[in-house]
PDB file of N, CA and C in Angstrom:
ATOM      1  N   MET A   1      11.523  -3.170 -33.105  1.00  0.00           N
ATOM      2  CA  MET A   1      10.533  -3.433 -31.730  1.00  0.00           C
ATOM      3  C   MET A   1       9.452  -4.674 -32.536  1.00  0.00           C
ATOM      4  N   ASP A   2       9.492  -5.906 -31.831  1.00  0.00           N
ATOM      5  CA  ASP A   2       8.928  -6.931 -32.026  1.00  0.00           C
ATOM      6  C   ASP A   2       7.392  -7.016 -31.641  1.00  0.00           C
ATOM      7  N   ALA A   3       6.419  -7.859 -31.960  1.00  0.00           N
ATOM      8  CA  ALA A   3       5.315  -7.737 -31.465  1.00  0.00           C
ATOM      9  C   ALA A   3       5.153  -8.412 -29.907  1.00  0.00           C
ATOM     10  N   THR A   4       6.551  -9.604 -29.725  1.00  0.00           N
ATOM     11  CA  THR A   4       6.686 -10.167 -28.542  1.00  0.00           C
ATOM     12  C   THR A   4       7.150  -8.768 -27.346  1.00  0.00           C
ATOM     13  N   ASP A   5       7.449  -7.838 -27.874  1.00  0.00           N
ATOM     14  CA  ASP A   5       7.943  -6.726 -26.874  1.00  0.00           C
ATOM     15  C   ASP A   5       6.929  -6.214 -26.293  1.00  0.00           C
ATOM     16  N   VAL A   6       6.127  -6.005 -27.080  1.00  0.00           N
ATOM     17  CA  VAL A   6       4.511  -5.010 -26.541  1.00  0.00           C
ATOM     18  C   VAL A   6       3.949  -5.823 -25.217  1.00  0.00           C
ATOM     19  N   ASN A   7       4.087  -5.042 -24.349  1.00  0.00           N
ATOM     20  CA  ASN A   7       2.958  -5.332 -23.306  1.00  0.00           C
ATOM     21  C   ASN A   7       1.762  -4.921 -23.643  1.00  0.00           C
ATOM     22  N   PRO A   8       0.396  -5.961 -23.605  1.00  0.00           N
ATOM     23  CA  PRO A   8      -0.750  -5.320 -23.537  1.00  0.00           C
ATOM     24  C   PRO A   8      -1.755  -4.731 -22.640  1.00  0.00           C
ATOM     25  N   TRP A   9      -0.757  -4.779 -21.416  1.00  0.00           N
ATOM     26  CA  TRP A   9      -1.458  -4.293 -20.216  1.00  0.00           C
ATOM     27  C   TRP A   9      -0.691  -2.955 -20.031  1.00  0.00           C
ATOM     28  N   GLY A  10       0.192  -2.544 -20.509  1.00  0.00           N
ATOM     29  CA  GLY A  10       1.106  -1.077 -20.156  1.00  0.00           C
ATOM     30  C   GLY A  10       1.775  -1.249 -19.143  1.00  0.00           C
ATOM     31  N   LYS A  11       1.634  -1.990 -18.184  1.00  0.00           N
ATOM     32  CA  LYS A  11       2.614  -2.221 -16.967  1.00  0.00           C
ATOM     33  C   LYS A  11       3.821  -2.921 -16.942  1.00  0.00           C
ATOM     34  N   SER A  12       4.774  -2.629 -16.585  1.00  0.00           N
ATOM     35  CA  SER A  12       6.192  -3.427 -16.767  1.00  0.00           C
ATOM     36  C   SER A  12       6.083  -4.464 -15.287  1.00  0.00           C
ATOM     37  N   PRO A  13       6.378  -5.505 -15.684  1.00  0.00           N
ATOM     38  CA  PRO A  13       6.484  -6.602 -14.498  1.00  0.00           C
ATOM     39  C   PRO A  13       7.108  -6.403 -13.464  1.00  0.00           C
ATOM     40  N   LYS A  14       6.525  -6.985 -12.314  1.00  0.00           N
ATOM     41  CA  LYS A  14       6.960  -6.422 -10.920  1.00  0.00           C
ATOM     42  C   LYS A  14       8.408  -7.352 -10.701  1.00  0.00           C
ATOM     43  N   LYS A  15       9.082  -6.779  -9.982  1.00  0.00           N
ATOM     44  CA  LYS A  15      10.484  -7.582  -9.682  1.00  0.00           C
ATOM     45  C   LYS A  15      10.270  -8.181  -8.471  1.00  0.00           C
ATOM     46  N   VAL A  16      10.605  -9.598  -8.441  1.00  0.00           N
ATOM     47  CA  VAL A  16      10.464 -10.285  -7.269  1.00  0.00           C
ATOM     48  C   VAL A  16      11.507 -10.112  -6.179  1.00  0.00           C
ATOM     49  N   LYS A  17      11.252  -9.767  -4.894  1.00  0.00           N
ATOM     50  CA  LYS A  17      12.135  -9.082  -3.867  1.00  0.00           C
ATOM     51  C   LYS A  17      12.801 -10.936  -3.614  1.00  0.00           C
ATOM     52  N   ASN A  18      14.443 -10.311  -3.224  1.00  0.00           N
ATOM     53  CA  ASN A  18      14.849 -11.454  -2.804  1.00  0.00           C
ATOM     54  C   ASN A  18      14.466 -12.021  -1.136  1.00  0.00           C
ATOM     55  N   ASN A  19      13.801 -12.789  -0.717  1.00  0.00           N
ATOM     56  CA  ASN A  19      13.413 -12.702   0.788  1.00  0.00           C
ATOM     57  C   ASN A  19      14.317 -13.992   1.360  1.00  0.00           C
ATOM     58  N   THR A  20      14.959 -13.639   2.531  1.00  0.00           N
ATOM     59  CA  THR A  20      15.948 -14.901   3.105  1.00  0.00           C
ATOM     60  C   THR A  20      15.053 -15.752   3.479  1.00  0.00           C
ATOM     61  N   LYS A  21      13.886 -15.366   4.461  1.00  0.00           N
ATOM     62  CA  LYS A  21      12.906 -16.518   4.749  1.00  0.00           C
ATOM     63  C   LYS A  21      12.876 -17.696   3.881  1.00  0.00           C
ATOM     64  N   SER A  22      12.258 -17.357   2.775  1.00  0.00           N
ATOM     65  CA  SER A  22      12.169 -18.061   1.622  1.00  0.00           C
ATOM     66  C   SER A  22      13.170 -18.665   1.063  1.00  0.00           C
ATOM     67  N   ASN A  23      14.468 -18.033   0.814  1.00  0.00           N
ATOM     68  CA  ASN A  23      15.623 -18.602   0.823  1.00  0.00           C
ATOM     69  C   ASN A  23      15.987 -19.844   1.594  1.00  0.00           C
ATOM     70  N   LYS A  24      15.591 -19.614   3.082  1.00  0.00           N
ATOM     71  CA  LYS A  24      16.301 -20.837   3.749  1.00  0.00           C
ATOM     72  C   LYS A  24      15.139 -21.812   4.002  1.00  0.00           C
ATOM     73  N   LEU A  25      13.899 -21.324   3.352  1.00  0.00           N
ATOM     74  CA  LEU A  25      12.879 -22.628   3.340  1.00  0.00           C
ATOM     75  C   LEU A  25      13.080 -23.142   2.361  1.00  0.00           C
ATOM     76  N   SER A  26      13.642 -22.851   1.275  1.00  0.00           N
ATOM     77  CA  SER A  26      13.809 -23.638  -0.272  1.00  0.00           C
ATOM     78  C   SER A  26      14.644 -24.267   0.332  1.00  0.00           C
ATOM     79  N   LYS A  27      16.080 -23.790   0.916  1.00  0.00           N
ATOM     80  CA  LYS A  27      17.296 -24.816   0.746  1.00  0.00           C
ATOM     81  C   LYS A  27      17.265 -25.986   2.123  1.00  0.00           C
ATOM     82  N   ASN A  28      16.073 -25.759   2.951  1.00  0.00           N
ATOM     83  CA  ASN A  28      15.374 -26.714   4.159  1.00  0.00           C
ATOM     84  C   ASN A  28      14.835 -27.870   3.479  1.00  0.00           C
ATOM     85  N   VAL A  29      13.920 -27.586   2.368  1.00  0.00           N
ATOM     86  CA  VAL A  29      13.084 -28.487   1.466  1.00  0.00           C
ATOM     87  C   VAL A  29      13.924 -29.347   0.845  1.00  0.00           C
ATOM     88  N   SER A  30      15.071 -28.648   0.089  1.00  0.00           N
ATOM     89  CA  SER A  30      15.782 -28.940  -0.954  1.00  0.00           C
ATOM     90  C   SER A  30      16.764 -30.069   0.103  1.00  0.00           C
ATOM     91  N   GLN A  31      17.253 -29.895   1.003  1.00  0.00           N
ATOM     92  CA  GLN A  31      18.058 -30.884   1.791  1.00  0.00           C
ATOM     93  C   GLN A  31      17.223 -31.834   2.186  1.00  0.00           C
ATOM     94  N   LYS A  32      16.098 -31.844   2.559  1.00  0.00           N
ATOM     95  CA  LYS A  32      14.938 -32.857   3.091  1.00  0.00           C
ATOM     96  C   LYS A  32      14.569 -33.804   1.998  1.00  0.00           C
ATOM     97  N   PHE A  33      14.594 -32.989   0.876  1.00  0.00           N
ATOM     98  CA  PHE A  33      14.237 -33.687  -0.628  1.00  0.00           C
ATOM     99  C   PHE A  33      15.286 -34.864  -1.057  1.00  0.00           C
ATOM    100  N   GLU A  34      16.717 -34.335  -0.779  1.00  0.00           N
ATOM    101  CA  GLU A  34      17.716 -34.964  -0.849  1.00  0.00           C
ATOM    102  C   GLU A  34      17.925 -36.403   0.068  1.00  0.00           C
ATOM    103  N   LYS A  35      17.523 -36.055   1.279  1.00  0.00           N
ATOM    104  CA  LYS A  35      17.745 -36.798   2.374  1.00  0.00           C
ATOM    105  C   LYS A  35      16.558 -38.231   1.762  1.00  0.00           C
ATOM    106  N   THR A  36      15.677 -37.494   1.707  1.00  0.00           N
ATOM    107  CA  THR A  36      14.312 -38.601   1.063  1.00  0.00           C
ATOM    108  C   THR A  36      14.904 -39.330   0.120  1.00  0.00           C
ATOM    109  N   LYS A  37      15.328 -38.850  -1.285  1.00  0.00           N
ATOM    110  CA  LYS A  37      15.751 -39.377  -2.283  1.00  0.00           C
ATOM    111  C   LYS A  37      16.681 -40.666  -1.902  1.00  0.00           C
ATOM    112  N   VAL A  38      17.843 -40.325  -1.007  1.00  0.00           N
ATOM    113  CA  VAL A  38      18.766 -41.297  -0.460  1.00  0.00           C
ATOM    114  C   VAL A  38      18.058 -42.439   0.020  1.00  0.00           C
ATOM    115  N   VAL A  39      17.202 -42.046   0.962  1.00  0.00           N
ATOM    116  CA  VAL A  39      16.272 -43.169   1.424  1.00  0.00           C
ATOM    117  C   VAL A  39      15.452 -44.100   0.580  1.00  0.00           C
ATOM    118  N   ALA A  40      14.884 -43.330  -0.271  1.00  0.00           N
ATOM    119  CA  ALA A  40      13.890 -44.227  -1.047  1.00  0.00           C
ATOM    120  C   ALA A  40      14.929 -45.036  -1.999  1.00  0.00           C
ATOM    121  N   THR A  41      16.024 -44.341  -2.351  1.00  0.00           N
ATOM    122  CA  THR A  41      17.063 -45.223  -3.278  1.00  0.00           C
ATOM    123  C   THR A  41      17.392 -46.284  -2.740  1.00  0.00           C
ATOM    124  N   SER A  42      17.733 -46.472  -1.271  1.00  0.00           N
ATOM    125  CA  SER A  42      18.392 -47.467  -0.765  1.00  0.00           C
ATOM    126  C   SER A  42      17.196 -48.615  -0.123  1.00  0.00           C
ATOM    127  N   GLY A  43      16.213 -48.222   0.045  1.00  0.00           N
ATOM    128  CA  GLY A  43      15.066 -49.157   0.009  1.00  0.00           C
ATOM    129  C   GLY A  43      14.493 -49.750  -0.893  1.00  0.00           C
ATOM    130  N   ALA A  44      14.515 -49.010  -2.609  1.00  0.00           N
ATOM    131  CA  ALA A  44      14.499 -49.509  -3.572  1.00  0.00           C
ATOM    132  C   ALA A  44      15.481 -50.882  -3.983  1.00  0.00           C
ATOM    133  N   LYS A  45      16.706 -50.546  -3.621  1.00  0.00           N
ATOM    134  CA  LYS A  45      17.938 -51.374  -3.930  1.00  0.00           C
ATOM    135  C   LYS A  45      17.462 -52.603  -2.948  1.00  0.00           C
ATOM    136  N   LYS A  46      17.049 -52.580  -1.899  1.00  0.00           N
ATOM    137  CA  LYS A  46      16.899 -53.539  -1.131  1.00  0.00           C
ATOM    138  C   LYS A  46      15.604 -54.375  -1.382  1.00  0.00           C
ATOM    139  N   ILE A  47      14.696 -53.832  -2.052  1.00  0.00           N
ATOM    140  CA  ILE A  47      13.695 -54.313  -2.464  1.00  0.00           C
ATOM    141  C   ILE A  47      13.840 -55.428  -3.598  1.00  0.00           C
ATOM    142  N   LYS A  48      14.572 -54.622  -4.433  1.00  0.00           N
ATOM    143  CA  LYS A  48      15.048 -55.264  -5.794  1.00  0.00           C
ATOM    144  C   LYS A  48      16.002 -56.759  -5.236  1.00  0.00           C
ATOM    145  N   ALA A  49      16.756 -56.289  -4.475  1.00  0.00           N
ATOM    146  CA  ALA A  49      17.559 -57.579  -4.169  1.00  0.00           C
ATOM    147  C   ALA A  49      16.531 -58.350  -3.289  1.00  0.00           C
ATOM    148  N   GLY A  50      15.653 -58.488  -2.598  1.00  0.00           N
ATOM    149  CA  GLY A  50      14.597 -59.485  -2.154  1.00  0.00           C
ATOM    150  C   GLY A  50      13.756 -59.954  -2.977  1.00  0.00           C
ATOM    151  N   ALA A  51      13.256 -59.309  -4.091  1.00  0.00           N
ATOM    152  CA  ALA A  51      12.859 -59.984  -5.144  1.00  0.00           C
ATOM    153  C   ALA A  51      13.186 -60.852  -5.886  1.00  0.00           C
ATOM    154  N   SER A  52      14.419 -60.386  -6.195  1.00  0.00           N
ATOM    155  CA  SER A  52      15.591 -61.189  -7.095  1.00  0.00           C
ATOM    156  C   SER A  52      15.835 -62.427  -6.265  1.00  0.00           C
ATOM    157  N   ALA A  53      16.049 -62.280  -5.106  1.00  0.00           N
ATOM    158  CA  ALA A  53      16.218 -63.573  -4.387  1.00  0.00           C
ATOM    159  C   ALA A  53      15.059 -64.885  -4.318  1.00  0.00           C
ATOM    160  N   GLY A  54      14.162 -64.007  -3.940  1.00  0.00           N
ATOM    161  CA  GLY A  54      12.766 -64.854  -3.971  1.00  0.00           C
ATOM    162  C   GLY A  54      12.547 -65.263  -5.301  1.00  0.00           C
ATOM    163  N   VAL A  55      12.878 -64.577  -6.990  1.00  0.00           N
ATOM    164  CA  VAL A  55      12.695 -65.242  -7.856  1.00  0.00           C
ATOM    165  C   VAL A  55      13.592 -66.619  -8.105  1.00  0.00           C
ATOM    166  N   ASN A  56      14.844 -66.222  -7.495  1.00  0.00           N
ATOM    167  CA  ASN A  56      15.819 -67.138  -7.659  1.00  0.00           C
ATOM    168  C   ASN A  56      15.586 -68.462  -6.938  1.00  0.00           C
ATOM    169  N   TRP A  57      14.862 -68.346  -5.804  1.00  0.00           N
ATOM    170  CA  TRP A  57      14.367 -69.348  -5.069  1.00  0.00           C
ATOM    171  C   TRP A  57      13.137 -70.119  -5.479  1.00  0.00           C
ATOM    172  N   LEU A  58      12.258 -69.619  -5.897  1.00  0.00           N
ATOM    173  CA  LEU A  58      11.388 -70.016  -6.897  1.00  0.00           C
ATOM    174  C   LEU A  58      11.870 -71.151  -8.292  1.00  0.00           C
ATOM    175  N   LYS A  59      13.037 -70.157  -8.783  1.00  0.00           N
ATOM    176  CA  LYS A  59      13.309 -70.816 -10.038  1.00  0.00           C
ATOM    177  C   LYS A  59      14.152 -72.516  -9.488  1.00  0.00           C
ATOM    178  N   ILE A  60      14.765 -72.516  -8.601  1.00  0.00           N
ATOM    179  CA  ILE A  60      15.533 -73.587  -7.991  1.00  0.00           C
ATOM    180  C   ILE A  60      14.389 -74.769  -7.404  1.00  0.00           C
ATOM    181  N   LYS A  61      13.485 -74.186  -6.626  1.00  0.00           N
ATOM    182  CA  LYS A  61      12.426 -75.202  -6.066  1.00  0.00           C
ATOM    183  C   LYS A  61      11.782 -75.686  -7.428  1.00  0.00           C
ATOM    184  N   TYR A  62      11.137 -74.934  -8.380  1.00  0.00           N
ATOM    185  CA  TYR A  62      10.463 -75.622  -9.445  1.00  0.00           C
ATOM    186  C   TYR A  62      11.165 -76.361 -10.222  1.00  0.00           C
ATOM    187  N   HIS A  63      12.840 -75.861 -10.448  1.00  0.00           N
ATOM    188  CA  HIS A  63      13.846 -76.765 -11.174  1.00  0.00           C
ATOM    189  C   HIS A  63      13.729 -78.059 -10.437  1.00  0.00           C
ATOM    190  N   ALA A  64      14.160 -78.211  -9.107  1.00  0.00           N
ATOM    191  CA  ALA A  64      14.244 -79.294  -8.241  1.00  0.00           C
ATOM    192  C   ALA A  64      12.758 -80.409  -8.370  1.00  0.00           C
ATOM    193  N   HIS A  65      11.644 -79.668  -8.530  1.00  0.00           N
ATOM    194  CA  HIS A  65      10.534 -80.234  -8.370  1.00  0.00           C
ATOM    195  C   HIS A  65      10.084 -81.274  -9.834  1.00  0.00           C
ATOM    196  N   LYS A  66      10.939 -80.377 -11.094  1.00  0.00           N
ATOM    197  CA  LYS A  66      10.800 -81.120 -12.424  1.00  0.00           C
ATOM    198  C   LYS A  66      11.667 -82.191 -12.558  1.00  0.00           C
ATOM    199  N   LEU A  67      12.828 -82.052 -12.114  1.00  0.00           N
ATOM    200  CA  LEU A  67      13.741 -83.265 -12.013  1.00  0.00           C
ATOM    201  C   LEU A  67      13.173 -84.231 -11.144  1.00  0.00           C
ATOM    202  N   ALA A  68      12.724 -84.287 -10.009  1.00  0.00           N
ATOM    203  CA  ALA A  68      11.964 -85.152  -9.398  1.00  0.00           C
ATOM    204  C   ALA A  68      11.125 -85.919 -10.119  1.00  0.00           C
ATOM    205  N   LYS A  69      10.218 -85.248 -10.630  1.00  0.00           N
ATOM    206  CA  LYS A  69       9.316 -85.674 -11.551  1.00  0.00           C
ATOM    207  C   LYS A  69      10.031 -86.678 -12.766  1.00  0.00           C
ATOM    208  N   LYS A  70      10.642 -86.322 -13.354  1.00  0.00           N
ATOM    209  CA  LYS A  70      11.353 -87.131 -14.372  1.00  0.00           C
ATOM    210  C   LYS A  70      12.071 -88.401 -13.796  1.00  0.00           C
ATOM    211  N   LYS A  71      12.486 -88.628 -12.415  1.00  0.00           N
ATOM    212  CA  LYS A  71      13.048 -90.061 -12.095  1.00  0.00           C
ATOM    213  C   LYS A  71      11.996 -91.092 -11.477  1.00  0.00           C
TER     214      LYS A  71
END
């Protein structure tokens, strides 16, 4: 018997009942969270693509401006 086996309060811990309502709620929350993750991921990809296109546009404009100044 280790020191970790001794319960200082003298009571055994209560077992949690398996409640079907909480299981259904947990499943619903989990499913909605998965849907939210999918939507957020697709939104982030669109933002990344838009930002990348914007940066490339700025590079092209700056490069064209720089070339025009040299002439």
